[in-house]
Amino acid sequence: MSIAAAEMTDPFESVYTFIRSSGENVHIASARLRAWCLQQDTQGKLERLRWPIPANFVSECLAENIISIPHVQQLQWALPHNLTDWEPIILAEGGTCTTDGNPNTMLVDGHHRAFIAYQAGCRFVICWALSPKQWQPFRIEGRHQFSKRELADYPIIKPLIDRWSDAAAERN
């Protein structure tokens, strides 16, 4: 079970895209998955784990255009002071393993929070680690297949930042 691309009618809906080494794109409706996780968590159905932030995480986020520094700056002021009060990031197990035998996981939601935590000296963040059975219903089929270069060049977060800024200006 998955979501057809045609069902994604809001052009601003958050979508996470991961490109496997084979070139296959994995698109996940990340806002919908986050809402499901929050619901499951309040019912005690998800386990919270500590995720060790990889040492190369910050450099990869910057090199691959995964995070937006303006969004990091905005988010730093909005997050609770205590890291344990932050919403967990979302990891999705890919159903495969790396060459060293570790599970192949995708960081679906929380890149900016993990970046901020690492920059503040934290080497772990709280996460929900989802099995393929849990996240597959949020996979989007039929979307454009990006190359790694196209995805890195795509202004992933900018339309959302502009939308949030416009919404904030309207409220004030």
Protein backbone atom coordinates (compact mmCIF):
# COMPACT_ATOMS: atom_id res chain seq x y z
CA MET A 1 0.00 0.00 0.00
CA SER A 2 1.30 3.46 -0.91
CA ILE A 3 0.14 6.90 -2.02
CA ALA A 4 -0.30 7.71 -5.72
CA ALA A 5 1.45 10.90 -6.81
CA ALA A 6 -1.91 12.22 -8.07
CA GLU A 7 -3.19 12.16 -4.46
CA MET A 8 -0.54 14.72 -3.50
CA THR A 9 -2.58 17.80 -4.40
CA ASP A 10 -0.94 20.38 -2.09
CA PRO A 11 2.23 21.62 -3.85
CA PHE A 12 3.64 22.64 -0.45
CA GLU A 13 3.11 19.28 1.25
CA SER A 14 6.39 18.03 2.68
CA VAL A 15 7.94 15.15 0.77
CA TYR A 16 11.17 13.41 1.68
CA THR A 17 13.18 11.93 -1.20
CA PHE A 18 16.00 9.45 -0.84
CA ILE A 19 17.99 8.17 -3.80
CA ARG A 20 19.36 4.67 -3.35
CA SER A 21 22.75 3.76 -4.78
CA SER A 22 20.86 1.99 -7.61
CA GLY A 23 19.28 5.34 -8.57
CA GLU A 24 15.83 4.29 -7.36
CA ASN A 25 13.97 7.18 -5.70
CA VAL A 26 12.06 6.66 -2.48
CA HIS A 27 9.50 9.45 -1.95
CA ILE A 28 7.71 9.65 1.40
CA ALA A 29 4.85 11.95 2.40
CA SER A 30 6.79 13.13 5.45
CA ALA A 31 4.13 15.44 6.93
CA ARG A 32 1.57 12.63 6.82
CA LEU A 33 4.08 10.20 8.31
CA ARG A 34 4.92 12.70 11.08
CA ALA A 35 1.22 13.10 11.94
CA TRP A 36 0.86 9.31 12.11
CA CYS A 37 3.93 9.06 14.35
CA LEU A 38 2.61 11.73 16.72
CA GLN A 39 -0.72 9.87 16.97
CA GLN A 40 0.99 6.51 17.55
CA ASP A 41 3.35 8.03 20.11
CA THR A 42 0.53 9.54 22.18
CA GLN A 43 -1.02 6.07 22.27
CA GLY A 44 2.29 4.58 23.44
CA LYS A 45 2.68 2.55 20.24
CA LEU A 46 6.09 3.85 19.16
CA GLU A 47 9.36 3.32 20.93
CA ARG A 48 11.71 6.27 21.37
CA LEU A 49 15.38 5.46 20.77
CA ARG A 50 18.65 7.38 20.88
CA TRP A 51 20.15 7.85 17.43
CA PRO A 52 23.90 8.51 17.24
CA ILE A 53 24.41 11.42 14.86
CA PRO A 54 27.13 10.40 12.37
CA ALA A 55 30.33 12.48 12.50
CA ASN A 56 29.96 13.40 8.80
CA PHE A 57 26.30 14.43 9.19
CA VAL A 58 26.89 18.21 9.26
CA SER A 59 29.22 18.25 6.25
CA GLU A 60 26.86 16.00 4.22
CA CYS A 61 23.84 18.18 5.05
CA LEU A 62 25.65 21.26 3.82
CA ALA A 63 27.28 19.66 0.76
CA GLU A 64 24.08 17.98 -0.45
CA ASN A 65 21.70 20.92 0.18
CA ILE A 66 19.75 18.90 2.74
CA ILE A 67 19.32 21.73 5.21
CA SER A 68 18.76 25.45 4.92
CA ILE A 69 20.86 27.69 7.17
CA PRO A 70 18.07 30.34 7.38
CA HIS A 71 15.67 27.59 8.54
CA VAL A 72 18.25 26.38 11.08
CA GLN A 73 18.48 29.93 12.43
CA GLN A 74 14.68 30.23 12.69
CA LEU A 75 14.31 26.81 14.28
CA GLN A 76 16.99 27.42 16.92
CA TRP A 77 14.75 30.02 18.51
CA ALA A 78 11.61 27.89 18.31
CA LEU A 79 12.93 24.66 19.82
CA PRO A 80 12.61 23.95 23.55
CA HIS A 81 15.85 24.57 25.45
CA ASN A 82 16.06 20.98 26.69
CA LEU A 83 16.87 18.47 23.95
CA THR A 84 14.77 15.78 25.65
CA ASP A 85 11.70 17.96 25.06
CA TRP A 86 12.22 17.98 21.28
CA GLU A 87 9.94 15.97 19.05
CA PRO A 88 11.75 12.80 17.93
CA ILE A 89 13.25 12.68 14.48
CA ILE A 90 11.93 10.01 12.13
CA LEU A 91 14.16 7.24 10.82
CA ALA A 92 12.83 4.71 8.32
CA GLU A 93 14.52 1.36 7.97
CA GLY A 94 15.12 0.70 4.30
CA GLY A 95 14.76 -3.04 4.56
CA THR A 96 18.35 -3.58 3.42
CA CYS A 97 21.77 -3.47 5.07
CA THR A 98 24.96 -1.54 4.39
CA THR A 99 28.18 -3.35 3.46
CA ASP A 100 29.18 -3.45 7.14
CA GLY A 101 25.90 -5.14 8.10
CA ASN A 102 24.15 -2.13 9.67
CA PRO A 103 20.54 -1.45 8.73
CA ASN A 104 20.10 0.96 5.83
CA THR A 105 18.07 3.80 7.32
CA MET A 106 16.66 7.01 5.91
CA LEU A 107 16.33 10.17 8.01
CA VAL A 108 12.84 11.18 6.87
CA ASP A 109 12.12 14.07 9.23
CA GLY A 110 14.42 16.00 11.54
CA HIS A 111 17.48 16.94 9.51
CA HIS A 112 17.45 20.49 10.84
CA ARG A 113 16.94 19.42 14.47
CA ALA A 114 19.73 16.84 14.25
CA PHE A 115 21.99 19.46 12.64
CA ILE A 116 21.27 21.93 15.48
CA ALA A 117 21.82 19.25 18.12
CA TYR A 118 25.15 18.23 16.60
CA GLN A 119 26.32 21.83 16.31
CA ALA A 120 25.42 22.29 20.01
CA GLY A 121 27.66 19.37 20.95
CA CYS A 122 25.04 16.63 21.29
CA ARG A 123 25.99 13.38 19.62
CA PHE A 124 22.61 11.67 20.05
CA VAL A 125 19.03 12.70 19.32
CA ILE A 126 15.78 10.96 20.19
CA CYS A 127 14.12 9.21 17.26
CA TRP A 128 11.31 7.00 16.18
CA ALA A 129 12.83 4.16 14.14
CA LEU A 130 10.17 2.82 11.79
CA SER A 131 10.10 -0.55 10.07
CA PRO A 132 9.20 -0.73 6.36
CA LYS A 133 5.75 -2.00 7.39
CA GLN A 134 5.19 1.23 9.36
CA TRP A 135 6.41 3.78 6.79
CA GLN A 136 5.54 2.07 3.45
CA PRO A 137 1.89 3.30 3.52
CA PHE A 138 3.33 6.83 3.22
CA ARG A 139 5.52 6.06 0.22
CA ILE A 140 4.55 8.03 -2.88
CA GLU A 141 4.52 6.19 -6.21
CA GLY A 142 4.65 7.87 -9.62
CA ARG A 143 6.68 10.98 -8.76
CA HIS A 144 9.53 12.38 -10.82
CA GLN A 145 12.72 10.31 -10.51
CA PHE A 146 15.55 12.64 -9.52
CA SER A 147 19.24 12.09 -10.04
CA LYS A 148 21.44 12.82 -7.02
CA ARG A 149 22.64 16.02 -8.71
CA GLU A 150 19.09 17.18 -9.50
CA LEU A 151 18.02 16.59 -5.92
CA ALA A 152 21.04 18.45 -4.50
CA ASP A 153 20.33 21.38 -6.86
CA TYR A 154 16.61 21.46 -6.03
CA PRO A 155 15.63 24.24 -3.59
CA ILE A 156 13.99 21.76 -1.25
CA ILE A 157 13.20 23.95 1.73
CA LYS A 158 12.96 27.43 0.18
CA PRO A 159 9.29 27.24 -0.93
CA LEU A 160 8.33 26.12 2.56
CA ILE A 161 10.32 28.89 4.25
CA ASP A 162 8.70 31.45 1.96
CA ARG A 163 5.26 30.01 2.74
CA TRP A 164 5.91 30.05 6.51
CA SER A 165 7.28 33.60 6.32
CA ASP A 166 4.23 34.76 4.36
CA ALA A 167 1.89 33.08 6.87
CA ALA A 168 3.72 34.66 9.80
CA ALA A 169 3.52 38.09 8.16
CA GLU A 170 -0.22 37.68 7.64
CA ARG A 171 -0.73 36.84 11.33
CA ASN A 172 1.15 39.97 12.49
